[in-house]
N, C-alpha and C. Protein backbone atom coordinates (compact mmCIF):
# COMPACT_ATOMS: atom_id res chain seq x y z
N MET A 1 -11.74 12.10 -17.91
CA MET A 1 -11.92 10.60 -17.74
C MET A 1 -11.61 10.02 -19.02
N SER A 2 -11.12 8.73 -18.96
CA SER A 2 -10.70 7.95 -20.03
C SER A 2 -11.90 7.45 -20.89
N GLN A 3 -11.65 7.34 -22.14
CA GLN A 3 -12.71 6.81 -23.06
C GLN A 3 -12.61 5.26 -23.10
N THR A 4 -13.76 4.61 -23.25
CA THR A 4 -13.72 3.11 -23.38
C THR A 4 -13.22 2.81 -24.76
N ILE A 5 -12.36 1.83 -24.75
CA ILE A 5 -11.86 1.30 -26.08
C ILE A 5 -13.04 0.65 -26.78
N ASP A 6 -13.33 1.06 -28.02
CA ASP A 6 -14.51 0.59 -28.75
C ASP A 6 -14.37 -0.73 -29.42
N ILE A 7 -14.29 -1.79 -28.64
CA ILE A 7 -14.28 -3.10 -29.25
C ILE A 7 -15.42 -3.91 -28.65
N ASP A 8 -16.19 -4.62 -29.43
CA ASP A 8 -17.36 -5.31 -28.94
C ASP A 8 -16.80 -6.71 -28.44
N LEU A 9 -16.83 -6.90 -27.15
CA LEU A 9 -16.35 -8.14 -26.52
C LEU A 9 -17.55 -8.98 -26.11
N PRO A 10 -17.52 -10.27 -26.33
CA PRO A 10 -18.49 -11.17 -25.77
C PRO A 10 -18.48 -11.01 -24.21
N GLU A 11 -19.63 -11.19 -23.68
CA GLU A 11 -19.75 -11.11 -22.18
C GLU A 11 -18.81 -12.12 -21.45
N ASP A 12 -18.63 -13.24 -21.96
CA ASP A 12 -17.77 -14.27 -21.34
C ASP A 12 -16.38 -14.23 -21.86
N TYR A 13 -16.01 -13.26 -22.53
CA TYR A 13 -14.56 -13.21 -23.11
C TYR A 13 -13.55 -13.24 -21.93
N ARG A 14 -12.56 -14.03 -22.06
CA ARG A 14 -11.34 -14.06 -21.18
C ARG A 14 -10.21 -14.09 -22.05
N PRO A 15 -9.14 -13.27 -21.69
CA PRO A 15 -7.83 -13.29 -22.46
C PRO A 15 -7.21 -14.69 -22.47
N SER A 16 -6.71 -15.09 -23.60
CA SER A 16 -6.18 -16.42 -23.77
C SER A 16 -4.70 -16.26 -24.20
N PRO A 17 -3.87 -17.19 -23.60
CA PRO A 17 -2.42 -17.21 -24.11
C PRO A 17 -2.33 -17.71 -25.56
N ASP A 18 -3.41 -18.22 -26.09
CA ASP A 18 -3.39 -18.73 -27.52
C ASP A 18 -3.49 -17.56 -28.58
N GLU A 19 -3.83 -16.30 -28.06
CA GLU A 19 -3.99 -15.24 -28.99
C GLU A 19 -2.85 -14.30 -28.82
N PRO A 20 -2.48 -13.42 -29.79
CA PRO A 20 -1.39 -12.52 -29.62
C PRO A 20 -1.51 -11.70 -28.38
N PHE A 21 -0.43 -11.53 -27.66
CA PHE A 21 -0.43 -10.76 -26.41
C PHE A 21 -0.79 -9.27 -26.59
N MET A 22 -1.75 -8.87 -25.76
CA MET A 22 -2.21 -7.50 -25.77
C MET A 22 -2.73 -7.08 -27.13
N ASN A 23 -3.49 -7.98 -27.75
CA ASN A 23 -4.18 -7.61 -28.99
C ASN A 23 -5.39 -6.68 -28.59
N GLU A 24 -6.08 -6.21 -29.60
CA GLU A 24 -7.22 -5.30 -29.31
C GLU A 24 -8.20 -5.83 -28.31
N ARG A 25 -8.50 -7.11 -28.41
CA ARG A 25 -9.50 -7.67 -27.47
C ARG A 25 -8.98 -7.76 -26.08
N GLN A 26 -7.77 -8.17 -25.94
CA GLN A 26 -7.17 -8.20 -24.52
C GLN A 26 -7.10 -6.76 -23.99
N THR A 27 -6.67 -5.82 -24.78
CA THR A 27 -6.56 -4.43 -24.37
C THR A 27 -7.93 -3.91 -23.93
N ALA A 28 -8.94 -4.14 -24.75
CA ALA A 28 -10.27 -3.67 -24.39
C ALA A 28 -10.78 -4.46 -23.10
N PHE A 29 -10.51 -5.64 -22.93
CA PHE A 29 -10.87 -6.41 -21.79
C PHE A 29 -10.28 -5.72 -20.52
N PHE A 30 -9.03 -5.49 -20.50
CA PHE A 30 -8.35 -4.92 -19.30
C PHE A 30 -8.77 -3.52 -19.09
N HIS A 31 -8.97 -2.77 -20.20
CA HIS A 31 -9.43 -1.39 -20.05
C HIS A 31 -10.77 -1.34 -19.37
N ARG A 32 -11.73 -2.24 -19.92
CA ARG A 32 -13.04 -2.29 -19.17
C ARG A 32 -13.02 -2.72 -17.74
N LYS A 33 -12.12 -3.70 -17.42
CA LYS A 33 -11.94 -4.21 -16.12
C LYS A 33 -11.48 -3.05 -15.20
N LEU A 34 -10.51 -2.33 -15.68
CA LEU A 34 -9.99 -1.16 -14.83
C LEU A 34 -11.06 -0.03 -14.62
N LEU A 35 -11.72 0.27 -15.73
CA LEU A 35 -12.81 1.34 -15.64
C LEU A 35 -13.95 0.80 -14.65
N ASP A 36 -14.24 -0.39 -14.76
CA ASP A 36 -15.34 -0.92 -13.83
C ASP A 36 -14.92 -0.96 -12.38
N TRP A 37 -13.62 -1.30 -12.12
CA TRP A 37 -13.02 -1.27 -10.83
C TRP A 37 -13.03 0.09 -10.20
N LYS A 38 -12.55 1.04 -11.07
CA LYS A 38 -12.54 2.41 -10.55
C LYS A 38 -13.93 2.90 -10.25
N GLU A 39 -14.88 2.74 -11.09
CA GLU A 39 -16.28 3.09 -10.93
C GLU A 39 -16.84 2.50 -9.58
N GLU A 40 -16.55 1.27 -9.32
CA GLU A 40 -17.02 0.66 -8.09
C GLU A 40 -16.41 1.30 -6.82
N ILE A 41 -15.13 1.67 -6.91
CA ILE A 41 -14.47 2.30 -5.86
C ILE A 41 -15.04 3.70 -5.60
N VAL A 42 -15.29 4.49 -6.62
CA VAL A 42 -15.88 5.83 -6.49
C VAL A 42 -17.22 5.70 -5.99
N ARG A 43 -18.03 4.72 -6.43
CA ARG A 43 -19.37 4.60 -5.86
C ARG A 43 -19.40 4.28 -4.39
N GLU A 44 -18.48 3.33 -3.96
CA GLU A 44 -18.35 3.03 -2.50
C GLU A 44 -17.96 4.22 -1.73
N SER A 45 -17.06 5.03 -2.26
CA SER A 45 -16.66 6.20 -1.58
C SER A 45 -17.75 7.25 -1.33
N ARG A 46 -18.60 7.40 -2.39
CA ARG A 46 -19.73 8.28 -2.33
C ARG A 46 -20.65 7.79 -1.23
N GLU A 47 -20.92 6.53 -1.18
CA GLU A 47 -21.77 5.91 -0.13
C GLU A 47 -21.21 6.13 1.21
N THR A 48 -19.93 6.03 1.38
CA THR A 48 -19.32 6.31 2.65
C THR A 48 -19.47 7.76 3.04
N LEU A 49 -19.19 8.64 2.15
CA LEU A 49 -19.33 10.06 2.31
C LEU A 49 -20.76 10.42 2.76
N ASP A 50 -21.75 9.91 1.93
CA ASP A 50 -23.19 10.13 2.31
C ASP A 50 -23.49 9.65 3.69
N HIS A 51 -23.01 8.53 4.08
CA HIS A 51 -23.25 7.89 5.36
C HIS A 51 -22.65 8.81 6.46
N LEU A 52 -21.41 9.28 6.32
CA LEU A 52 -20.77 10.15 7.26
C LEU A 52 -21.47 11.49 7.43
N GLN A 53 -22.06 11.93 6.31
CA GLN A 53 -22.68 13.30 6.31
C GLN A 53 -24.06 13.24 6.85
N GLU A 54 -24.60 12.02 7.08
CA GLU A 54 -26.01 11.93 7.60
C GLU A 54 -26.14 12.54 8.98
N GLY A 55 -25.11 12.56 9.66
CA GLY A 55 -25.19 13.18 11.01
C GLY A 55 -23.96 12.74 11.89
N GLY A 56 -23.75 13.43 12.94
CA GLY A 56 -22.69 13.11 13.84
C GLY A 56 -23.03 11.87 14.58
N ILE A 57 -22.15 11.49 15.45
CA ILE A 57 -22.28 10.34 16.24
C ILE A 57 -23.39 10.67 17.35
N GLN A 58 -24.41 9.80 17.33
CA GLN A 58 -25.58 10.08 18.25
C GLN A 58 -25.64 9.10 19.37
N GLU A 59 -24.56 8.42 19.72
CA GLU A 59 -24.55 7.36 20.72
C GLU A 59 -24.36 8.01 22.05
N PRO A 60 -25.39 7.82 22.98
CA PRO A 60 -25.30 8.43 24.32
C PRO A 60 -24.30 7.66 25.15
N ASP A 61 -24.17 6.36 24.98
CA ASP A 61 -23.20 5.51 25.71
C ASP A 61 -21.79 5.74 25.29
N LEU A 62 -20.85 6.00 26.18
CA LEU A 62 -19.45 6.17 25.94
C LEU A 62 -18.85 5.08 25.05
N ALA A 63 -19.08 3.82 25.46
CA ALA A 63 -18.58 2.69 24.82
C ALA A 63 -19.12 2.53 23.39
N ASP A 64 -20.42 2.81 23.21
CA ASP A 64 -21.00 2.74 21.90
C ASP A 64 -20.43 3.85 20.95
N ARG A 65 -20.22 4.99 21.56
CA ARG A 65 -19.65 6.10 20.88
C ARG A 65 -18.21 5.81 20.37
N ALA A 66 -17.45 5.28 21.23
CA ALA A 66 -16.05 4.89 20.93
C ALA A 66 -16.02 3.77 19.86
N SER A 67 -16.93 2.84 19.96
CA SER A 67 -17.03 1.86 18.91
C SER A 67 -17.37 2.44 17.54
N THR A 68 -18.34 3.36 17.52
CA THR A 68 -18.74 4.00 16.27
C THR A 68 -17.61 4.83 15.73
N GLU A 69 -16.89 5.56 16.60
CA GLU A 69 -15.78 6.31 16.06
C GLU A 69 -14.69 5.47 15.47
N THR A 70 -14.43 4.28 16.10
CA THR A 70 -13.47 3.33 15.65
C THR A 70 -13.90 2.84 14.23
N ASP A 71 -15.18 2.46 14.09
CA ASP A 71 -15.69 2.01 12.73
C ASP A 71 -15.47 3.10 11.71
N TRP A 72 -15.76 4.32 12.04
CA TRP A 72 -15.58 5.38 11.07
C TRP A 72 -14.12 5.55 10.67
N SER A 73 -13.40 5.52 11.69
CA SER A 73 -11.86 5.72 11.42
C SER A 73 -11.36 4.58 10.46
N LEU A 74 -11.78 3.40 10.76
CA LEU A 74 -11.38 2.27 9.98
C LEU A 74 -11.95 2.42 8.46
N GLU A 75 -13.17 2.88 8.41
CA GLU A 75 -13.78 3.15 7.02
C GLU A 75 -13.05 4.21 6.31
N LEU A 76 -12.63 5.29 7.00
CA LEU A 76 -11.96 6.36 6.39
C LEU A 76 -10.47 5.89 5.94
N ARG A 77 -9.85 5.10 6.69
CA ARG A 77 -8.53 4.57 6.31
C ARG A 77 -8.71 3.68 5.07
N THR A 78 -9.73 2.91 5.06
CA THR A 78 -10.04 2.02 3.86
C THR A 78 -10.23 2.89 2.62
N ARG A 79 -10.99 3.96 2.75
CA ARG A 79 -11.24 4.83 1.60
C ARG A 79 -9.90 5.59 1.18
N ASP A 80 -9.00 5.89 2.10
CA ASP A 80 -7.75 6.54 1.71
C ASP A 80 -6.94 5.51 0.94
N ARG A 81 -6.91 4.28 1.35
CA ARG A 81 -6.20 3.22 0.56
C ARG A 81 -6.81 3.15 -0.85
N GLN A 82 -8.08 3.26 -0.94
CA GLN A 82 -8.74 3.13 -2.21
C GLN A 82 -8.50 4.37 -3.06
N ARG A 83 -8.34 5.49 -2.48
CA ARG A 83 -7.99 6.73 -3.19
C ARG A 83 -6.64 6.44 -3.82
N LYS A 84 -5.65 5.91 -3.07
CA LYS A 84 -4.35 5.60 -3.65
C LYS A 84 -4.43 4.65 -4.80
N LEU A 85 -5.38 3.66 -4.57
CA LEU A 85 -5.56 2.60 -5.60
C LEU A 85 -6.15 3.22 -6.90
N ILE A 86 -6.95 4.25 -6.84
CA ILE A 86 -7.51 4.91 -7.98
C ILE A 86 -6.34 5.49 -8.91
N SER A 87 -5.32 6.07 -8.20
CA SER A 87 -4.21 6.62 -8.93
C SER A 87 -3.46 5.47 -9.70
N LYS A 88 -3.35 4.33 -9.04
CA LYS A 88 -2.72 3.17 -9.78
C LYS A 88 -3.56 2.74 -10.93
N ILE A 89 -4.93 2.73 -10.75
CA ILE A 89 -5.72 2.35 -11.93
C ILE A 89 -5.69 3.28 -13.00
N ASP A 90 -5.59 4.58 -12.70
CA ASP A 90 -5.43 5.69 -13.73
C ASP A 90 -4.15 5.45 -14.44
N ALA A 91 -3.09 5.11 -13.71
CA ALA A 91 -1.82 4.94 -14.37
C ALA A 91 -1.83 3.68 -15.29
N ALA A 92 -2.57 2.59 -14.92
CA ALA A 92 -2.73 1.49 -15.77
C ALA A 92 -3.42 1.82 -17.02
N ILE A 93 -4.49 2.69 -16.85
CA ILE A 93 -5.27 3.09 -18.04
C ILE A 93 -4.45 3.88 -19.01
N ARG A 94 -3.60 4.75 -18.47
CA ARG A 94 -2.66 5.54 -19.33
C ARG A 94 -1.72 4.62 -20.03
N ARG A 95 -1.28 3.59 -19.33
CA ARG A 95 -0.29 2.58 -19.98
C ARG A 95 -1.04 1.87 -21.12
N ILE A 96 -2.31 1.54 -20.92
CA ILE A 96 -3.07 0.97 -22.03
C ILE A 96 -3.15 1.89 -23.24
N GLU A 97 -3.48 3.22 -22.89
CA GLU A 97 -3.57 4.15 -24.03
C GLU A 97 -2.28 4.44 -24.70
N GLN A 98 -1.14 4.19 -24.01
CA GLN A 98 0.16 4.44 -24.59
C GLN A 98 0.80 3.18 -25.21
N GLY A 99 0.02 2.05 -25.07
CA GLY A 99 0.44 0.75 -25.59
C GLY A 99 1.57 0.10 -24.88
N GLU A 100 1.66 0.49 -23.50
CA GLU A 100 2.68 -0.11 -22.62
C GLU A 100 2.06 -1.05 -21.61
N TYR A 101 0.85 -1.28 -21.60
CA TYR A 101 0.18 -2.10 -20.63
C TYR A 101 0.51 -3.51 -20.82
N GLY A 102 0.72 -4.30 -19.75
CA GLY A 102 0.95 -5.70 -19.77
C GLY A 102 2.43 -6.12 -19.81
N TYR A 103 3.27 -5.14 -19.86
CA TYR A 103 4.65 -5.43 -20.00
C TYR A 103 5.39 -5.00 -18.71
N CYS A 104 6.33 -5.87 -18.25
CA CYS A 104 7.11 -5.59 -16.99
C CYS A 104 7.89 -4.38 -17.19
N GLU A 105 7.79 -3.53 -16.17
CA GLU A 105 8.59 -2.19 -16.29
C GLU A 105 10.11 -2.46 -15.94
N VAL A 106 10.41 -3.67 -15.38
CA VAL A 106 11.78 -4.04 -15.15
C VAL A 106 12.44 -4.73 -16.33
N THR A 107 11.76 -5.77 -16.84
CA THR A 107 12.35 -6.66 -17.81
C THR A 107 11.86 -6.35 -19.17
N GLY A 108 10.77 -5.69 -19.31
CA GLY A 108 10.08 -5.49 -20.60
C GLY A 108 9.35 -6.66 -21.16
N GLU A 109 9.39 -7.80 -20.49
CA GLU A 109 8.74 -9.03 -20.88
C GLU A 109 7.22 -8.89 -20.57
N PRO A 110 6.35 -9.64 -21.26
CA PRO A 110 4.97 -9.68 -20.98
C PRO A 110 4.70 -10.12 -19.54
N ILE A 111 3.77 -9.54 -18.88
CA ILE A 111 3.25 -10.01 -17.58
C ILE A 111 2.16 -11.05 -17.88
N SER A 112 2.15 -12.15 -17.07
CA SER A 112 1.24 -13.21 -17.49
C SER A 112 -0.19 -12.74 -17.37
N LEU A 113 -0.98 -13.24 -18.24
CA LEU A 113 -2.39 -12.95 -18.26
C LEU A 113 -3.13 -13.25 -16.92
N LYS A 114 -2.75 -14.41 -16.31
CA LYS A 114 -3.33 -14.76 -14.99
C LYS A 114 -3.01 -13.71 -13.98
N ARG A 115 -1.77 -13.19 -13.94
CA ARG A 115 -1.39 -12.11 -13.02
C ARG A 115 -2.16 -10.83 -13.30
N LEU A 116 -2.33 -10.47 -14.59
CA LEU A 116 -3.05 -9.23 -14.94
C LEU A 116 -4.55 -9.39 -14.61
N GLU A 117 -5.07 -10.57 -14.71
CA GLU A 117 -6.52 -10.76 -14.40
C GLU A 117 -6.69 -10.62 -12.90
N ALA A 118 -5.77 -11.19 -12.16
CA ALA A 118 -5.81 -11.13 -10.70
C ALA A 118 -5.47 -9.71 -10.11
N ARG A 119 -4.54 -9.05 -10.75
CA ARG A 119 -4.10 -7.74 -10.34
C ARG A 119 -3.84 -6.82 -11.59
N PRO A 120 -4.90 -6.26 -12.16
CA PRO A 120 -4.79 -5.48 -13.35
C PRO A 120 -3.95 -4.31 -13.31
N ILE A 121 -3.51 -3.89 -12.07
CA ILE A 121 -2.60 -2.73 -11.99
C ILE A 121 -1.19 -3.06 -11.95
N ALA A 122 -0.90 -4.42 -12.08
CA ALA A 122 0.50 -4.91 -11.98
C ALA A 122 1.42 -4.25 -12.99
N THR A 123 2.57 -3.92 -12.55
CA THR A 123 3.56 -3.25 -13.38
C THR A 123 4.80 -4.15 -13.63
N MET A 124 4.90 -5.24 -12.83
CA MET A 124 5.99 -6.08 -12.95
C MET A 124 5.50 -7.57 -13.12
N SER A 125 6.34 -8.31 -13.82
CA SER A 125 6.06 -9.82 -13.79
C SER A 125 6.15 -10.38 -12.39
N LEU A 126 5.60 -11.50 -12.19
CA LEU A 126 5.71 -12.14 -10.91
C LEU A 126 7.17 -12.38 -10.43
N GLU A 127 8.01 -12.78 -11.36
CA GLU A 127 9.39 -12.95 -11.03
C GLU A 127 10.06 -11.65 -10.62
N ALA A 128 9.83 -10.57 -11.36
CA ALA A 128 10.42 -9.32 -11.07
C ALA A 128 9.82 -8.72 -9.77
N GLN A 129 8.60 -8.91 -9.49
CA GLN A 129 7.96 -8.52 -8.29
C GLN A 129 8.54 -9.24 -7.06
N GLU A 130 8.76 -10.60 -7.24
CA GLU A 130 9.38 -11.25 -6.09
C GLU A 130 10.75 -10.86 -5.82
N ALA A 131 11.60 -10.61 -6.87
CA ALA A 131 12.95 -10.15 -6.66
C ALA A 131 12.94 -8.79 -6.05
N HIS A 132 11.96 -7.88 -6.39
CA HIS A 132 11.82 -6.59 -5.81
C HIS A 132 11.54 -6.72 -4.33
N GLU A 133 10.60 -7.55 -3.98
CA GLU A 133 10.24 -7.72 -2.52
C GLU A 133 11.40 -8.39 -1.76
N ARG A 134 12.15 -9.28 -2.31
CA ARG A 134 13.36 -9.81 -1.63
C ARG A 134 14.35 -8.66 -1.31
N MET A 135 14.59 -7.80 -2.28
CA MET A 135 15.53 -6.71 -2.05
C MET A 135 15.04 -5.77 -1.03
N GLU A 136 13.66 -5.51 -1.06
CA GLU A 136 13.15 -4.65 0.03
C GLU A 136 13.34 -5.25 1.37
N ARG A 137 13.11 -6.58 1.51
CA ARG A 137 13.32 -7.22 2.83
C ARG A 137 14.77 -7.13 3.26
N ILE A 138 15.71 -7.29 2.35
CA ILE A 138 17.12 -7.31 2.68
C ILE A 138 17.49 -5.88 3.16
N TYR A 139 17.10 -4.83 2.45
CA TYR A 139 17.44 -3.49 2.91
C TYR A 139 16.69 -3.06 4.10
N ARG A 140 15.48 -3.53 4.26
CA ARG A 140 14.61 -3.14 5.48
C ARG A 140 15.30 -3.79 6.66
N ASP A 141 15.82 -5.00 6.55
CA ASP A 141 16.36 -5.72 7.71
C ASP A 141 17.72 -5.20 8.13
N ASN A 142 18.44 -4.45 7.21
CA ASN A 142 19.73 -3.87 7.64
C ASN A 142 19.72 -2.63 8.42
């Protein structure tokens, strides 16, 4: 597991465009944000697993049983999406450790702080992401 970057940040710290991009404070902020997000997902997954292991479906009514099975199936699909999200979080943490975090993988330009706060696993600037999605639609429609 990754180590926390040892910078003492105020509780209310928010990255600002007025400071140097991806300075120690910003890096520590996003590192903590990613670790907290990952921890929350892992905790929720454990809770789901505990709930599913409590026992099989005990519904005597066929309709209730089907409804419970549907709920469980939806929950497991959600957890599978979150498992994939954890690998993206881990990749973002590695980018922080390598000094590559916050820069667009297409253009090399900084990704906006607003975008990173909203989507800390972002690997492309908004403009590059939009261009990528346009190209996907074009090729998907052909």
